[in-house]
Amino acid sequence: MEEIRYYNPEKYRMGELVYLITDELQQKRMITAIRIHINGSVLFSLSCGTTETLHFAQEISRNKTFDL
């Protein structure tokens, strides 16, 4: 059986406010779920208002991105 990799909570935590690096409006989003798949991939569920979307860590930043 393939080894299952575990998520490192030092990257991002539940309830943390983050930004999407591709969001032109740079709206704050809250991490509301962390999905760990059997292949080791990790997806973050981000909520902004009534909208919830899934993203990889590479798409997320703790800081606003101004050079879009």
Protein backbone atom coordinates (compact mmCIF):
# COMPACT_ATOMS: atom_id res chain seq x y z
CA MET A 1 0.00 0.00 0.00
CA GLU A 2 1.21 3.49 -0.84
CA GLU A 3 2.33 5.72 2.04
CA ILE A 4 -0.17 8.42 2.96
CA ARG A 5 1.40 11.84 3.46
CA TYR A 6 0.01 14.08 6.17
CA TYR A 7 -0.76 17.78 6.01
CA ASN A 8 1.64 20.13 7.77
CA PRO A 9 -0.56 22.56 9.75
CA GLU A 10 2.24 25.12 9.82
CA LYS A 11 1.32 26.09 6.23
CA TYR A 12 -2.27 27.24 6.78
CA ARG A 13 -4.80 26.62 9.55
CA MET A 14 -8.58 26.34 9.80
CA GLY A 15 -10.22 29.74 10.34
CA GLU A 16 -7.22 31.66 9.01
CA LEU A 17 -7.94 34.66 6.76
CA VAL A 18 -6.11 34.49 3.43
CA TYR A 19 -6.17 35.91 -0.09
CA LEU A 20 -6.25 34.27 -3.51
CA ILE A 21 -3.25 35.43 -5.49
CA THR A 22 -5.34 35.55 -8.69
CA ASP A 23 -8.24 37.57 -7.21
CA GLU A 24 -8.18 41.06 -8.71
CA LEU A 25 -10.32 42.42 -5.83
CA GLN A 26 -8.09 40.77 -3.19
CA GLN A 27 -11.04 39.84 -0.99
CA LYS A 28 -10.35 38.19 2.37
CA ARG A 29 -11.34 34.54 2.50
CA MET A 30 -11.54 32.18 5.45
CA ILE A 31 -10.20 28.63 5.39
CA THR A 32 -13.26 26.59 6.32
CA ALA A 33 -12.03 23.08 5.47
CA ILE A 34 -8.85 21.23 4.57
CA ARG A 35 -9.21 18.17 2.32
CA ILE A 36 -6.40 15.63 2.32
CA HIS A 37 -6.62 13.14 -0.53
CA ILE A 38 -5.16 9.65 -0.53
CA ASN A 39 -2.65 10.67 -3.23
CA GLY A 40 -1.23 13.29 -0.85
CA SER A 41 -2.76 16.35 -2.48
CA VAL A 42 -4.25 18.95 -0.15
CA LEU A 43 -7.12 21.28 -1.07
CA PHE A 44 -8.31 24.22 0.98
CA SER A 45 -11.93 25.25 1.08
CA LEU A 46 -12.10 29.06 1.14
CA SER A 47 -15.23 31.02 2.01
CA CYS A 48 -15.96 34.57 0.92
CA GLY A 49 -19.47 35.70 1.79
CA THR A 50 -21.81 32.88 0.76
CA THR A 51 -19.36 31.42 -1.78
CA GLU A 52 -17.05 28.50 -1.00
CA THR A 53 -14.30 27.41 -3.43
CA LEU A 54 -11.47 24.83 -3.41
CA HIS A 55 -7.83 25.80 -3.94
CA PHE A 56 -4.29 24.44 -3.70
CA ALA A 57 -1.79 26.06 -1.32
CA GLN A 58 0.06 27.61 -4.29
CA GLU A 59 -3.01 29.76 -5.00
CA ILE A 60 -3.23 31.17 -1.46
CA SER A 61 -1.35 33.96 0.31
CA ARG A 62 -1.50 35.50 3.77
CA ASN A 63 -0.79 38.86 2.16
CA LYS A 64 -2.54 40.83 -0.55
CA THR A 65 -1.04 40.57 -4.03
CA PHE A 66 -0.76 43.97 -5.66
CA ASP A 67 0.96 43.11 -8.96
CA LEU A 68 -1.94 41.48 -10.83
